[in-house]
Amino acid sequence: MPSAPPVLLVEDDALLRQAFRILLEDAGFRVLEAGSAEAALATASAETPAAVVLDMGLPDRPGLDVARELRQTETTRDVPIIALTGRVGAQERAECLAAGCTEYHGKPLAPQKLLERLRALTS
């Protein structure tokens, strides 16, 4: 049986991160967690994820910075990034996509939709 694809979950809200982790693990993903931009970049450097679920509103640096840095790093250049944000609008969407995010979704995102997108992006 193939090993579960690692998904880097970047969310500063601990309760939300825990809920996402449980959802993803129950769906067969291996979850790498980070609660800040710096932790996300360190984790992605230590173990290349198959996909990244990235909150845009992080406490230490904007999620856009994380996306840009992941795109500039050889090992994570092509890793799909799903941006999650509470700021929904055409400008925010354009900024996320320009920073290198593969997809952009407003919060809250239906759990089944997230799983559907992750399965599509990691298969």
C-alpha atoms as a PDB file:
ATOM      1  CA  MET A   1       0.000   0.000   0.000  1.00  0.00           C
ATOM      2  CA  PRO A   2       1.463   3.393  -0.938  1.00  0.00           C
ATOM      3  CA  SER A   3       2.257   5.765   1.885  1.00  0.00           C
ATOM      4  CA  ALA A   4      -0.136   8.613   2.568  1.00  0.00           C
ATOM      5  CA  PRO A   5       0.782  11.828   0.778  1.00  0.00           C
ATOM      6  CA  PRO A   6       2.077  14.449   3.214  1.00  0.00           C
ATOM      7  CA  VAL A   7       0.019  17.641   3.295  1.00  0.00           C
ATOM      8  CA  LEU A   8       1.450  20.737   4.943  1.00  0.00           C
ATOM      9  CA  LEU A   9      -1.358  22.399   6.881  1.00  0.00           C
ATOM     10  CA  VAL A  10      -0.550  26.024   7.715  1.00  0.00           C
ATOM     11  CA  GLU A  11      -3.123  27.569  10.076  1.00  0.00           C
ATOM     12  CA  ASP A  12      -2.466  29.797  13.080  1.00  0.00           C
ATOM     13  CA  ASP A  13      -5.777  29.022  14.831  1.00  0.00           C
ATOM     14  CA  ALA A  14      -4.974  25.911  16.903  1.00  0.00           C
ATOM     15  CA  LEU A  15      -8.572  24.659  17.072  1.00  0.00           C
ATOM     16  CA  LEU A  16      -9.119  25.064  13.357  1.00  0.00           C
ATOM     17  CA  ARG A  17      -5.759  23.418  12.653  1.00  0.00           C
ATOM     18  CA  GLN A  18      -6.747  20.466  14.842  1.00  0.00           C
ATOM     19  CA  ALA A  19     -10.096  20.114  13.042  1.00  0.00           C
ATOM     20  CA  PHE A  20      -8.382  20.202   9.636  1.00  0.00           C
ATOM     21  CA  ARG A  21      -5.750  17.687  10.814  1.00  0.00           C
ATOM     22  CA  ILE A  22      -8.422  15.218  11.940  1.00  0.00           C
ATOM     23  CA  LEU A  23     -10.322  15.670   8.671  1.00  0.00           C
ATOM     24  CA  LEU A  24      -7.218  15.118   6.561  1.00  0.00           C
ATOM     25  CA  GLU A  25      -5.921  12.168   8.577  1.00  0.00           C
ATOM     26  CA  ASP A  26      -9.321  10.480   8.457  1.00  0.00           C
ATOM     27  CA  ALA A  27      -9.199  10.885   4.667  1.00  0.00           C
ATOM     28  CA  GLY A  28      -5.822   9.136   4.497  1.00  0.00           C
ATOM     29  CA  PHE A  29      -3.429  12.076   4.327  1.00  0.00           C
ATOM     30  CA  ARG A  30      -0.340  12.429   6.505  1.00  0.00           C
ATOM     31  CA  VAL A  31      -0.435  15.909   8.022  1.00  0.00           C
ATOM     32  CA  LEU A  32       2.541  18.173   8.621  1.00  0.00           C
ATOM     33  CA  GLU A  33       1.397  21.089  10.783  1.00  0.00           C
ATOM     34  CA  ALA A  34       2.586  24.668  11.088  1.00  0.00           C
ATOM     35  CA  GLY A  35       1.060  27.562  13.007  1.00  0.00           C
ATOM     36  CA  SER A  36       3.165  30.337  11.488  1.00  0.00           C
ATOM     37  CA  ALA A  37       4.877  31.338   8.264  1.00  0.00           C
ATOM     38  CA  GLU A  38       8.341  30.572   9.630  1.00  0.00           C
ATOM     39  CA  ALA A  39       7.253  27.135  10.873  1.00  0.00           C
ATOM     40  CA  ALA A  40       5.651  26.429   7.492  1.00  0.00           C
ATOM     41  CA  LEU A  41       8.825  27.258   5.580  1.00  0.00           C
ATOM     42  CA  ALA A  42      10.988  25.224   7.967  1.00  0.00           C
ATOM     43  CA  THR A  43       8.635  22.239   7.725  1.00  0.00           C
ATOM     44  CA  ALA A  44       8.489  22.411   3.921  1.00  0.00           C
ATOM     45  CA  SER A  45      12.283  22.545   3.856  1.00  0.00           C
ATOM     46  CA  ALA A  46      12.614  19.500   6.119  1.00  0.00           C
ATOM     47  CA  GLU A  47      10.083  17.359   4.249  1.00  0.00           C
ATOM     48  CA  THR A  48       8.652  18.259   0.866  1.00  0.00           C
ATOM     49  CA  PRO A  49       4.856  18.086   1.057  1.00  0.00           C
ATOM     50  CA  ALA A  50       2.641  16.737  -1.738  1.00  0.00           C
ATOM     51  CA  ALA A  51       0.384  19.785  -1.233  1.00  0.00           C
ATOM     52  CA  VAL A  52       0.057  22.816   1.021  1.00  0.00           C
ATOM     53  CA  VAL A  53      -3.128  24.143   2.617  1.00  0.00           C
ATOM     54  CA  LEU A  54      -2.150  27.720   3.407  1.00  0.00           C
ATOM     55  CA  ASP A  55      -4.006  30.231   5.552  1.00  0.00           C
ATOM     56  CA  MET A  56      -3.339  33.702   4.171  1.00  0.00           C
ATOM     57  CA  GLY A  57      -3.681  35.446   7.551  1.00  0.00           C
ATOM     58  CA  LEU A  58      -0.685  34.307   9.590  1.00  0.00           C
ATOM     59  CA  PRO A  59       0.644  36.128  12.667  1.00  0.00           C
ATOM     60  CA  ASP A  60       4.289  36.523  11.669  1.00  0.00           C
ATOM     61  CA  ARG A  61       4.199  37.039   7.885  1.00  0.00           C
ATOM     62  CA  PRO A  62       1.474  37.114   5.235  1.00  0.00           C
ATOM     63  CA  GLY A  63       0.578  33.832   3.590  1.00  0.00           C
ATOM     64  CA  LEU A  64       1.392  35.487   0.267  1.00  0.00           C
ATOM     65  CA  ASP A  65       5.046  35.651   1.386  1.00  0.00           C
ATOM     66  CA  VAL A  66       4.991  31.939   2.196  1.00  0.00           C
ATOM     67  CA  ALA A  67       3.540  31.102  -1.222  1.00  0.00           C
ATOM     68  CA  ARG A  68       6.175  33.229  -2.986  1.00  0.00           C
ATOM     69  CA  GLU A  69       9.006  31.649  -1.016  1.00  0.00           C
ATOM     70  CA  LEU A  70       7.722  28.121  -1.675  1.00  0.00           C
ATOM     71  CA  ARG A  71       7.645  28.941  -5.398  1.00  0.00           C
ATOM     72  CA  GLN A  72      11.245  30.209  -5.286  1.00  0.00           C
ATOM     73  CA  THR A  73      12.553  27.042  -3.596  1.00  0.00           C
ATOM     74  CA  GLU A  74      13.649  24.173  -5.831  1.00  0.00           C
ATOM     75  CA  THR A  75      12.005  21.371  -3.836  1.00  0.00           C
ATOM     76  CA  THR A  76       8.638  23.126  -3.434  1.00  0.00           C
ATOM     77  CA  ARG A  77       8.461  25.022  -6.727  1.00  0.00           C
ATOM     78  CA  ASP A  78       5.770  22.724  -8.177  1.00  0.00           C
ATOM     79  CA  VAL A  79       3.919  21.748  -4.990  1.00  0.00           C
ATOM     80  CA  PRO A  80       0.202  22.650  -5.234  1.00  0.00           C
ATOM     81  CA  ILE A  81      -0.836  25.391  -2.805  1.00  0.00           C
ATOM     82  CA  ILE A  82      -4.455  25.803  -1.738  1.00  0.00           C
ATOM     83  CA  ALA A  83      -4.920  29.303  -0.323  1.00  0.00           C
ATOM     84  CA  LEU A  84      -7.579  29.759   2.351  1.00  0.00           C
ATOM     85  CA  THR A  85      -8.633  33.253   3.338  1.00  0.00           C
ATOM     86  CA  GLY A  86     -11.356  35.162   5.089  1.00  0.00           C
ATOM     87  CA  ARG A  87     -10.817  38.053   2.673  1.00  0.00           C
ATOM     88  CA  VAL A  88     -12.784  37.140  -0.410  1.00  0.00           C
ATOM     89  CA  GLY A  89     -12.746  39.264  -3.522  1.00  0.00           C
ATOM     90  CA  ALA A  90     -11.328  39.615  -7.002  1.00  0.00           C
ATOM     91  CA  GLN A  91      -8.235  41.520  -5.810  1.00  0.00           C
ATOM     92  CA  GLU A  92      -7.426  38.973  -3.093  1.00  0.00           C
ATOM     93  CA  ARG A  93      -7.889  36.111  -5.573  1.00  0.00           C
ATOM     94  CA  ALA A  94      -5.575  37.786  -8.083  1.00  0.00           C
ATOM     95  CA  GLU A  95      -2.932  38.412  -5.384  1.00  0.00           C
ATOM     96  CA  CYS A  96      -3.015  34.781  -4.252  1.00  0.00           C
ATOM     97  CA  LEU A  97      -2.706  33.419  -7.773  1.00  0.00           C
ATOM     98  CA  ALA A  98       0.048  35.919  -8.645  1.00  0.00           C
ATOM     99  CA  ALA A  99       1.988  34.806  -5.540  1.00  0.00           C
ATOM    100  CA  GLY A 100       1.947  31.250  -6.857  1.00  0.00           C
ATOM    101  CA  CYS A 101      -1.075  29.685  -5.202  1.00  0.00           C
ATOM    102  CA  THR A 102      -2.643  26.941  -7.280  1.00  0.00           C
ATOM    103  CA  GLU A 103      -6.138  27.590  -5.948  1.00  0.00           C
ATOM    104  CA  TYR A 104      -7.883  30.212  -3.851  1.00  0.00           C
ATOM    105  CA  HIS A 105     -10.838  29.502  -1.559  1.00  0.00           C
ATOM    106  CA  GLY A 106     -12.701  31.661   0.927  1.00  0.00           C
ATOM    107  CA  LYS A 107     -13.278  30.530   4.492  1.00  0.00           C
ATOM    108  CA  PRO A 108     -15.166  28.632   5.538  1.00  0.00           C
ATOM    109  CA  LEU A 109     -14.449  25.968   2.934  1.00  0.00           C
ATOM    110  CA  ALA A 110     -16.689  22.907   3.043  1.00  0.00           C
ATOM    111  CA  PRO A 111     -14.637  19.947   4.325  1.00  0.00           C
ATOM    112  CA  GLN A 112     -15.661  17.723   1.401  1.00  0.00           C
ATOM    113  CA  LYS A 113     -14.582  20.399  -1.081  1.00  0.00           C
ATOM    114  CA  LEU A 114     -11.147  20.621   0.531  1.00  0.00           C
ATOM    115  CA  LEU A 115     -10.736  16.845   0.428  1.00  0.00           C
ATOM    116  CA  GLU A 116     -11.906  16.739  -3.190  1.00  0.00           C
ATOM    117  CA  ARG A 117      -9.360  19.379  -4.218  1.00  0.00           C
ATOM    118  CA  LEU A 118      -6.508  17.759  -2.267  1.00  0.00           C
ATOM    119  CA  ARG A 119      -7.217  14.351  -3.787  1.00  0.00           C
ATOM    120  CA  ALA A 120      -7.246  15.875  -7.272  1.00  0.00           C
ATOM    121  CA  LEU A 121      -4.004  17.786  -6.687  1.00  0.00           C
ATOM    122  CA  THR A 122      -2.063  14.898  -5.102  1.00  0.00           C
ATOM    123  CA  SER A 123      -3.092  12.029  -7.374  1.00  0.00           C
END
